[in-house]
Amino acid sequence: MEFKFNWEGNKDKINQLKDFIEVNKGKKGALMMVLHKAQDLFGYLPIEIQQMISEELKVPLSEIYGVATFYSQFTLIPKGENVINVCLGTACYVKGAQQIIDKLEELLKIKSGQTTPDRKFSIDTTRCIGACGLAPVIAINGEVYGNITADDVEGIIEKYK
């Protein structure tokens, strides 16, 4: 699934990013700072923005792509309006987290790490949400749901449609 970057609708953000690049160009760690700023502004790192950063910082696009795909805090696809984090920590995994992921993928017709075509939902996994006593746990936009089963998933998702 491919998302088309909207240059016109993002002019202000692009100008903010260019200003940020100009201020930080030449500083140690500039690439990481710029990628974080871009992700904060756009919610992801589209290839068009990576190319712009490459030109502005005079850093090869391959290096930018390598950094963006190496660190898990960066994403190359836009996140949905509702980000579903499924905990795969030991307690959650043992108590059925995989069945919850399977049910989410079935209902939303996407895989973990993807966003629905309408950009309404994204499914992500995490190693720990910090609520092991409530295992298995998911969090949607920061709201935690604990002690859930695959049978609970559809009702929870309906609240966000």
N, C-alpha and C. Protein backbone atom coordinates (compact mmCIF):
# COMPACT_ATOMS: atom_id res chain seq x y z
N MET A 1 0.84 -1.16 0.00
CA MET A 1 0.00 0.00 0.00
C MET A 1 0.90 1.24 0.00
N GLU A 2 0.58 2.18 -0.87
CA GLU A 2 1.42 3.36 -0.99
C GLU A 2 0.61 4.60 -0.65
N PHE A 3 1.21 5.51 0.11
CA PHE A 3 0.57 6.76 0.46
C PHE A 3 1.25 7.87 -0.31
N LYS A 4 0.47 8.76 -0.89
CA LYS A 4 1.03 9.86 -1.69
C LYS A 4 1.24 11.07 -0.78
N PHE A 5 2.47 11.59 -0.79
CA PHE A 5 2.78 12.75 0.05
C PHE A 5 2.17 14.00 -0.56
N ASN A 6 1.56 14.83 0.25
CA ASN A 6 0.88 16.04 -0.20
C ASN A 6 1.77 17.26 0.05
N TRP A 7 2.48 17.69 -1.00
CA TRP A 7 3.37 18.85 -0.88
C TRP A 7 2.59 20.12 -0.57
N GLU A 8 1.50 20.35 -1.27
CA GLU A 8 0.71 21.57 -1.09
C GLU A 8 0.17 21.71 0.33
N GLY A 9 -0.38 20.62 0.85
CA GLY A 9 -0.98 20.65 2.18
C GLY A 9 0.03 20.70 3.31
N ASN A 10 1.32 20.59 2.99
CA ASN A 10 2.35 20.54 4.02
C ASN A 10 3.38 21.67 3.91
N LYS A 11 3.04 22.72 3.18
CA LYS A 11 4.01 23.81 2.95
C LYS A 11 4.57 24.38 4.25
N ASP A 12 3.71 24.66 5.21
CA ASP A 12 4.18 25.24 6.47
C ASP A 12 5.14 24.29 7.19
N LYS A 13 4.79 23.01 7.22
CA LYS A 13 5.65 22.02 7.88
C LYS A 13 6.99 21.89 7.14
N ILE A 14 6.95 21.92 5.83
CA ILE A 14 8.18 21.84 5.03
C ILE A 14 9.08 23.03 5.34
N ASN A 15 8.48 24.22 5.42
CA ASN A 15 9.27 25.41 5.75
C ASN A 15 9.84 25.33 7.16
N GLN A 16 9.07 24.80 8.10
CA GLN A 16 9.58 24.61 9.47
C GLN A 16 10.77 23.66 9.47
N LEU A 17 10.65 22.58 8.70
CA LEU A 17 11.74 21.61 8.64
C LEU A 17 12.98 22.23 8.00
N LYS A 18 12.79 22.98 6.92
CA LYS A 18 13.94 23.63 6.26
C LYS A 18 14.62 24.61 7.20
N ASP A 19 13.84 25.37 7.95
CA ASP A 19 14.42 26.30 8.94
C ASP A 19 15.20 25.53 10.00
N PHE A 20 14.65 24.41 10.47
CA PHE A 20 15.30 23.59 11.48
C PHE A 20 16.62 23.03 10.93
N ILE A 21 16.59 22.58 9.69
CA ILE A 21 17.80 22.05 9.06
C ILE A 21 18.87 23.13 8.98
N GLU A 22 18.46 24.32 8.59
CA GLU A 22 19.42 25.42 8.43
C GLU A 22 20.10 25.75 9.76
N VAL A 23 19.36 25.75 10.83
CA VAL A 23 19.89 26.06 12.16
C VAL A 23 20.85 24.95 12.64
N ASN A 24 20.55 23.71 12.27
CA ASN A 24 21.31 22.57 12.80
C ASN A 24 22.34 21.99 11.85
N LYS A 25 22.36 22.47 10.62
CA LYS A 25 23.31 21.98 9.62
C LYS A 25 24.73 22.11 10.15
N GLY A 26 25.50 21.07 10.04
CA GLY A 26 26.89 21.11 10.48
C GLY A 26 27.11 20.73 11.93
N LYS A 27 26.04 20.64 12.71
CA LYS A 27 26.17 20.24 14.11
C LYS A 27 26.33 18.72 14.19
N LYS A 28 27.03 18.27 15.23
CA LYS A 28 27.17 16.84 15.46
C LYS A 28 25.79 16.25 15.76
N GLY A 29 25.47 15.15 15.09
CA GLY A 29 24.17 14.51 15.30
C GLY A 29 23.02 15.19 14.57
N ALA A 30 23.33 16.05 13.62
CA ALA A 30 22.28 16.81 12.92
C ALA A 30 21.27 15.89 12.24
N LEU A 31 21.75 14.81 11.63
CA LEU A 31 20.82 13.94 10.93
C LEU A 31 19.74 13.39 11.86
N MET A 32 20.13 12.90 13.02
CA MET A 32 19.15 12.36 13.96
C MET A 32 18.17 13.44 14.41
N MET A 33 18.69 14.63 14.71
CA MET A 33 17.82 15.73 15.14
C MET A 33 16.82 16.07 14.03
N VAL A 34 17.29 16.12 12.79
CA VAL A 34 16.43 16.47 11.67
C VAL A 34 15.39 15.39 11.41
N LEU A 35 15.79 14.13 11.51
CA LEU A 35 14.82 13.05 11.31
C LEU A 35 13.74 13.06 12.39
N HIS A 36 14.15 13.33 13.64
CA HIS A 36 13.15 13.44 14.72
C HIS A 36 12.19 14.60 14.45
N LYS A 37 12.72 15.72 14.04
CA LYS A 37 11.89 16.89 13.75
C LYS A 37 10.92 16.57 12.61
N ALA A 38 11.42 15.92 11.56
CA ALA A 38 10.57 15.56 10.42
C ALA A 38 9.45 14.62 10.86
N GLN A 39 9.82 13.63 11.66
CA GLN A 39 8.81 12.67 12.13
C GLN A 39 7.77 13.39 13.00
N ASP A 40 8.21 14.31 13.85
CA ASP A 40 7.27 15.07 14.68
C ASP A 40 6.32 15.89 13.81
N LEU A 41 6.85 16.49 12.76
CA LEU A 41 6.04 17.35 11.89
C LEU A 41 5.06 16.56 11.02
N PHE A 42 5.53 15.48 10.41
CA PHE A 42 4.73 14.77 9.42
C PHE A 42 4.10 13.47 9.95
N GLY A 43 4.59 12.99 11.08
CA GLY A 43 4.08 11.75 11.63
C GLY A 43 4.75 10.51 11.07
N TYR A 44 5.57 10.68 10.05
CA TYR A 44 6.33 9.61 9.42
C TYR A 44 7.38 10.25 8.54
N LEU A 45 8.22 9.42 7.91
CA LEU A 45 9.31 9.93 7.08
C LEU A 45 9.11 9.50 5.62
N PRO A 46 8.26 10.23 4.91
CA PRO A 46 8.04 9.87 3.51
C PRO A 46 9.33 10.03 2.70
N ILE A 47 9.45 9.26 1.62
CA ILE A 47 10.65 9.30 0.80
C ILE A 47 10.92 10.71 0.27
N GLU A 48 9.88 11.45 -0.02
CA GLU A 48 10.06 12.82 -0.52
C GLU A 48 10.78 13.70 0.50
N ILE A 49 10.45 13.52 1.77
CA ILE A 49 11.08 14.30 2.84
C ILE A 49 12.51 13.79 3.06
N GLN A 50 12.71 12.50 2.97
CA GLN A 50 14.07 11.96 3.07
C GLN A 50 14.96 12.54 1.96
N GLN A 51 14.43 12.65 0.75
CA GLN A 51 15.19 13.21 -0.36
C GLN A 51 15.52 14.68 -0.10
N MET A 52 14.56 15.43 0.43
CA MET A 52 14.79 16.83 0.75
C MET A 52 15.89 16.96 1.82
N ILE A 53 15.82 16.13 2.84
CA ILE A 53 16.82 16.15 3.91
C ILE A 53 18.20 15.82 3.32
N SER A 54 18.24 14.85 2.43
CA SER A 54 19.48 14.46 1.77
C SER A 54 20.12 15.65 1.05
N GLU A 55 19.30 16.36 0.30
CA GLU A 55 19.79 17.53 -0.44
C GLU A 55 20.23 18.65 0.50
N GLU A 56 19.43 18.92 1.51
CA GLU A 56 19.72 20.04 2.42
C GLU A 56 20.95 19.77 3.29
N LEU A 57 21.09 18.53 3.79
CA LEU A 57 22.22 18.20 4.66
C LEU A 57 23.44 17.69 3.90
N LYS A 58 23.25 17.45 2.60
CA LYS A 58 24.32 16.88 1.76
C LYS A 58 24.79 15.54 2.33
N VAL A 59 23.79 14.71 2.66
CA VAL A 59 24.01 13.35 3.18
C VAL A 59 23.37 12.40 2.17
N PRO A 60 24.04 11.33 1.80
CA PRO A 60 23.44 10.40 0.84
C PRO A 60 22.09 9.86 1.31
N LEU A 61 21.17 9.75 0.36
CA LEU A 61 19.83 9.23 0.68
C LEU A 61 19.92 7.84 1.29
N SER A 62 20.88 7.04 0.85
CA SER A 62 21.03 5.69 1.39
C SER A 62 21.35 5.73 2.88
N GLU A 63 22.12 6.72 3.31
CA GLU A 63 22.44 6.85 4.74
C GLU A 63 21.20 7.25 5.53
N ILE A 64 20.42 8.16 4.99
CA ILE A 64 19.19 8.60 5.66
C ILE A 64 18.22 7.43 5.77
N TYR A 65 18.06 6.69 4.69
CA TYR A 65 17.17 5.53 4.70
C TYR A 65 17.67 4.48 5.71
N GLY A 66 18.97 4.28 5.75
CA GLY A 66 19.54 3.32 6.69
C GLY A 66 19.25 3.68 8.13
N VAL A 67 19.41 4.95 8.47
CA VAL A 67 19.12 5.41 9.83
C VAL A 67 17.62 5.29 10.13
N ALA A 68 16.80 5.71 9.17
CA ALA A 68 15.35 5.71 9.36
C ALA A 68 14.79 4.30 9.53
N THR A 69 15.42 3.32 8.90
CA THR A 69 14.92 1.95 9.02
C THR A 69 15.59 1.18 10.16
N PHE A 70 16.72 1.67 10.65
CA PHE A 70 17.42 1.00 11.75
C PHE A 70 16.74 1.28 13.09
N TYR A 71 16.38 2.53 13.33
CA TYR A 71 15.82 2.91 14.63
C TYR A 71 14.31 2.75 14.63
N SER A 72 13.79 2.04 15.64
CA SER A 72 12.37 1.71 15.67
C SER A 72 11.46 2.91 15.92
N GLN A 73 12.00 4.03 16.38
CA GLN A 73 11.13 5.18 16.63
C GLN A 73 10.74 5.90 15.34
N PHE A 74 11.40 5.54 14.23
CA PHE A 74 11.06 6.14 12.94
C PHE A 74 10.16 5.20 12.16
N THR A 75 9.26 5.77 11.37
CA THR A 75 8.40 4.98 10.52
C THR A 75 8.35 5.59 9.13
N LEU A 76 8.28 4.73 8.13
CA LEU A 76 8.23 5.18 6.74
C LEU A 76 6.81 5.23 6.20
N ILE A 77 5.86 4.79 7.01
CA ILE A 77 4.46 4.86 6.60
C ILE A 77 3.69 5.69 7.62
N PRO A 78 2.67 6.41 7.17
CA PRO A 78 1.90 7.23 8.12
C PRO A 78 1.14 6.33 9.09
N LYS A 79 1.06 6.78 10.32
CA LYS A 79 0.29 6.05 11.34
C LYS A 79 -1.18 6.43 11.20
N GLY A 80 -2.02 5.52 11.64
CA GLY A 80 -3.45 5.77 11.60
C GLY A 80 -3.89 6.73 12.69
N GLU A 81 -5.11 7.18 12.56
CA GLU A 81 -5.71 8.05 13.57
C GLU A 81 -5.73 7.35 14.93
N ASN A 82 -5.89 6.03 14.89
CA ASN A 82 -5.92 5.22 16.10
C ASN A 82 -4.78 4.21 16.04
N VAL A 83 -3.79 4.39 16.91
CA VAL A 83 -2.64 3.49 16.93
C VAL A 83 -2.85 2.45 18.02
N ILE A 84 -2.88 1.20 17.57
CA ILE A 84 -3.10 0.08 18.48
C ILE A 84 -1.75 -0.56 18.77
N ASN A 85 -1.33 -0.51 20.03
CA ASN A 85 -0.09 -1.16 20.46
C ASN A 85 -0.45 -2.43 21.21
N VAL A 86 0.06 -3.55 20.71
CA VAL A 86 -0.17 -4.84 21.35
C VAL A 86 1.12 -5.22 22.08
N CYS A 87 1.01 -5.46 23.36
CA CYS A 87 2.17 -5.84 24.15
C CYS A 87 2.55 -7.28 23.86
N LEU A 88 3.83 -7.49 23.57
CA LEU A 88 4.36 -8.84 23.36
C LEU A 88 5.38 -9.21 24.42
N GLY A 89 5.33 -8.51 25.56
CA GLY A 89 6.19 -8.87 26.68
C GLY A 89 5.86 -10.29 27.13
N THR A 90 6.70 -10.86 27.94
CA THR A 90 6.54 -12.26 28.33
C THR A 90 5.16 -12.57 28.91
N ALA A 91 4.71 -11.77 29.87
CA ALA A 91 3.42 -12.05 30.50
C ALA A 91 2.28 -11.99 29.49
N CYS A 92 2.29 -10.98 28.63
CA CYS A 92 1.23 -10.84 27.63
C CYS A 92 1.30 -11.95 26.59
N TYR A 93 2.50 -12.26 26.17
CA TYR A 93 2.65 -13.29 25.14
C TYR A 93 2.14 -14.64 25.65
N VAL A 94 2.53 -14.97 26.86
CA VAL A 94 2.13 -16.25 27.45
C VAL A 94 0.61 -16.32 27.62
N LYS A 95 -0.02 -15.18 27.85
CA LYS A 95 -1.46 -15.17 28.10
C LYS A 95 -2.29 -14.91 26.84
N GLY A 96 -1.67 -14.95 25.65
CA GLY A 96 -2.48 -14.92 24.43
C GLY A 96 -2.37 -13.70 23.55
N ALA A 97 -1.30 -12.94 23.66
CA ALA A 97 -1.16 -11.74 22.83
C ALA A 97 -1.17 -12.05 21.34
N GLN A 98 -0.62 -13.19 20.94
CA GLN A 98 -0.59 -13.52 19.51
C GLN A 98 -2.00 -13.69 18.95
N GLN A 99 -2.90 -14.27 19.73
CA GLN A 99 -4.28 -14.43 19.28
C GLN A 99 -4.96 -13.06 19.12
N ILE A 100 -4.57 -12.12 19.97
CA ILE A 100 -5.12 -10.76 19.87
C ILE A 100 -4.63 -10.10 18.59
N ILE A 101 -3.34 -10.24 18.29
CA ILE A 101 -2.79 -9.70 17.04
C ILE A 101 -3.50 -10.34 15.85
N ASP A 102 -3.65 -11.65 15.87
CA ASP A 102 -4.32 -12.36 14.77
C ASP A 102 -5.72 -11.81 14.54
N LYS A 103 -6.45 -11.55 15.62
CA LYS A 103 -7.83 -11.04 15.52
C LYS A 103 -7.83 -9.62 14.97
N LEU A 104 -6.92 -8.78 15.44
CA LEU A 104 -6.81 -7.40 14.92
C LEU A 104 -6.52 -7.41 13.44
N GLU A 105 -5.57 -8.25 13.02
CA GLU A 105 -5.20 -8.32 11.61
C GLU A 105 -6.38 -8.81 10.76
N GLU A 106 -7.13 -9.75 11.29
CA GLU A 106 -8.32 -10.26 10.58
C GLU A 106 -9.38 -9.16 10.44
N LEU A 107 -9.67 -8.47 11.53
CA LEU A 107 -10.71 -7.43 11.52
C LEU A 107 -10.34 -6.22 10.66
N LEU A 108 -9.10 -5.78 10.77
CA LEU A 108 -8.67 -4.56 10.09
C LEU A 108 -8.08 -4.83 8.71
N LYS A 109 -7.85 -6.10 8.40
CA LYS A 109 -7.32 -6.51 7.09
C LYS A 109 -5.96 -5.88 6.78
N ILE A 110 -5.14 -5.76 7.83
CA ILE A 110 -3.75 -5.31 7.70
C ILE A 110 -2.89 -6.16 8.62
N LYS A 111 -1.60 -6.11 8.42
CA LYS A 111 -0.65 -6.82 9.27
C LYS A 111 -0.08 -5.85 10.31
N SER A 112 0.51 -6.41 11.33
CA SER A 112 1.20 -5.59 12.33
C SER A 112 2.26 -4.76 11.63
N GLY A 113 2.34 -3.48 11.98
CA GLY A 113 3.28 -2.57 11.33
C GLY A 113 2.67 -1.82 10.17
N GLN A 114 1.40 -2.08 9.86
CA GLN A 114 0.75 -1.43 8.74
C GLN A 114 -0.37 -0.50 9.20
N THR A 115 -0.86 0.28 8.25
CA THR A 115 -1.95 1.24 8.47
C THR A 115 -3.07 0.92 7.48
N THR A 116 -4.31 1.03 7.94
CA THR A 116 -5.44 0.78 7.04
C THR A 116 -5.45 1.83 5.93
N PRO A 117 -5.96 1.46 4.75
CA PRO A 117 -5.98 2.41 3.63
C PRO A 117 -6.69 3.73 3.94
N ASP A 118 -7.69 3.70 4.83
CA ASP A 118 -8.39 4.93 5.21
C ASP A 118 -7.66 5.71 6.31
N ARG A 119 -6.50 5.19 6.72
CA ARG A 119 -5.66 5.79 7.77
C ARG A 119 -6.38 5.92 9.11
N LYS A 120 -7.32 5.05 9.33
CA LYS A 120 -8.07 5.07 10.59
C LYS A 120 -7.33 4.30 11.70
N PHE A 121 -6.64 3.19 11.32
CA PHE A 121 -5.99 2.34 12.31
C PHE A 121 -4.59 1.93 11.87
N SER A 122 -3.71 1.80 12.86
CA SER A 122 -2.40 1.17 12.68
C SER A 122 -2.25 0.14 13.78
N ILE A 123 -1.57 -0.95 13.45
CA ILE A 123 -1.27 -1.97 14.47
C ILE A 123 0.24 -1.99 14.66
N ASP A 124 0.68 -1.85 15.90
CA ASP A 124 2.10 -1.94 16.24
C ASP A 124 2.24 -2.92 17.41
N THR A 125 3.43 -3.45 17.57
CA THR A 125 3.71 -4.28 18.72
C THR A 125 4.77 -3.59 19.56
N THR A 126 4.75 -3.90 20.83
CA THR A 126 5.72 -3.34 21.76
C THR A 126 6.15 -4.44 22.71
N ARG A 127 7.29 -4.27 23.32
CA ARG A 127 7.81 -5.30 24.23
C ARG A 127 7.21 -5.21 25.62
N CYS A 128 6.77 -4.03 26.03
CA CYS A 128 6.16 -3.92 27.36
C CYS A 128 5.40 -2.60 27.46
N ILE A 129 4.19 -2.69 27.96
CA ILE A 129 3.39 -1.48 28.19
C ILE A 129 3.49 -1.08 29.66
N GLY A 130 3.96 -2.00 30.49
CA GLY A 130 4.13 -1.71 31.91
C GLY A 130 2.90 -2.04 32.73
N ALA A 131 2.08 -2.95 32.21
CA ALA A 131 0.88 -3.34 32.94
C ALA A 131 0.81 -4.87 32.98
N CYS A 132 1.89 -5.49 33.38
CA CYS A 132 2.02 -6.95 33.34
C CYS A 132 0.94 -7.65 34.16
N GLY A 133 0.48 -7.05 35.22
CA GLY A 133 -0.56 -7.64 36.06
C GLY A 133 -1.90 -7.70 35.35
N LEU A 134 -2.03 -6.98 34.24
CA LEU A 134 -3.28 -6.97 33.48
C LEU A 134 -3.17 -7.78 32.19
N ALA A 135 -2.10 -8.55 32.04
CA ALA A 135 -1.82 -9.26 30.80
C ALA A 135 -2.97 -10.17 30.39
N PRO A 136 -3.22 -10.26 29.08
CA PRO A 136 -2.61 -9.53 27.97
C PRO A 136 -3.21 -8.13 27.82
N VAL A 137 -2.39 -7.22 27.30
CA VAL A 137 -2.73 -5.81 27.26
C VAL A 137 -2.56 -5.24 25.85
N ILE A 138 -3.48 -4.34 25.48
CA ILE A 138 -3.28 -3.50 24.31
C ILE A 138 -3.50 -2.07 24.75
N ALA A 139 -2.95 -1.14 24.00
CA ALA A 139 -3.21 0.28 24.25
C ALA A 139 -3.60 0.91 22.92
N ILE A 140 -4.67 1.67 22.94
CA ILE A 140 -5.11 2.39 21.75
C ILE A 140 -5.05 3.86 22.09
N ASN A 141 -4.19 4.57 21.37
CA ASN A 141 -3.96 6.00 21.62
C ASN A 141 -3.66 6.27 23.09
N GLY A 142 -2.96 5.34 23.73
CA GLY A 142 -2.57 5.49 25.12
C GLY A 142 -3.57 4.95 26.13
N GLU A 143 -4.78 4.62 25.69
CA GLU A 143 -5.78 4.04 26.60
C GLU A 143 -5.53 2.54 26.70
N VAL A 144 -5.30 2.06 27.92
CA VAL A 144 -4.91 0.67 28.13
C VAL A 144 -6.14 -0.21 28.37
N TYR A 145 -6.12 -1.37 27.69
CA TYR A 145 -7.15 -2.39 27.87
C TYR A 145 -6.45 -3.65 28.34
N GLY A 146 -6.82 -4.13 29.53
CA GLY A 146 -6.15 -5.29 30.10
C GLY A 146 -7.04 -6.49 30.28
N ASN A 147 -6.39 -7.64 30.50
CA ASN A 147 -7.10 -8.91 30.68
C ASN A 147 -8.06 -9.19 29.53
N ILE A 148 -7.63 -8.88 28.30
CA ILE A 148 -8.52 -9.08 27.17
C ILE A 148 -8.23 -10.41 26.48
N THR A 149 -9.20 -10.84 25.72
CA THR A 149 -9.05 -12.04 24.90
C THR A 149 -9.32 -11.63 23.45
N ALA A 150 -9.06 -12.53 22.54
CA ALA A 150 -9.34 -12.26 21.13
C ALA A 150 -10.83 -11.95 20.93
N ASP A 151 -11.69 -12.54 21.75
CA ASP A 151 -13.13 -12.28 21.64
C ASP A 151 -13.51 -10.85 22.04
N ASP A 152 -12.67 -10.17 22.81
CA ASP A 152 -12.94 -8.80 23.23
C ASP A 152 -12.56 -7.76 22.17
N VAL A 153 -11.71 -8.15 21.25
CA VAL A 153 -11.08 -7.20 20.33
C VAL A 153 -12.10 -6.45 19.47
N GLU A 154 -13.06 -7.15 18.90
CA GLU A 154 -14.01 -6.50 18.01
C GLU A 154 -14.80 -5.39 18.72
N GLY A 155 -15.25 -5.66 19.92
CA GLY A 155 -15.98 -4.65 20.68
C GLY A 155 -15.14 -3.43 21.01
N ILE A 156 -13.87 -3.67 21.32
CA ILE A 156 -12.96 -2.54 21.61
C ILE A 156 -12.76 -1.70 20.37
N ILE A 157 -12.52 -2.35 19.24
CA ILE A 157 -12.27 -1.63 17.97
C ILE A 157 -13.49 -0.82 17.56
N GLU A 158 -14.68 -1.33 17.80
CA GLU A 158 -15.92 -0.63 17.42
C GLU A 158 -16.00 0.75 18.04
N LYS A 159 -15.45 0.92 19.25
CA LYS A 159 -15.48 2.22 19.92
C LYS A 159 -14.74 3.29 19.13
N TYR A 160 -13.81 2.88 18.27
CA TYR A 160 -12.95 3.82 17.56
C TYR A 160 -13.33 4.02 16.10
N LYS A 161 -14.38 3.33 15.66
CA LYS A 161 -14.81 3.45 14.25
C LYS A 161 -15.65 4.67 14.03
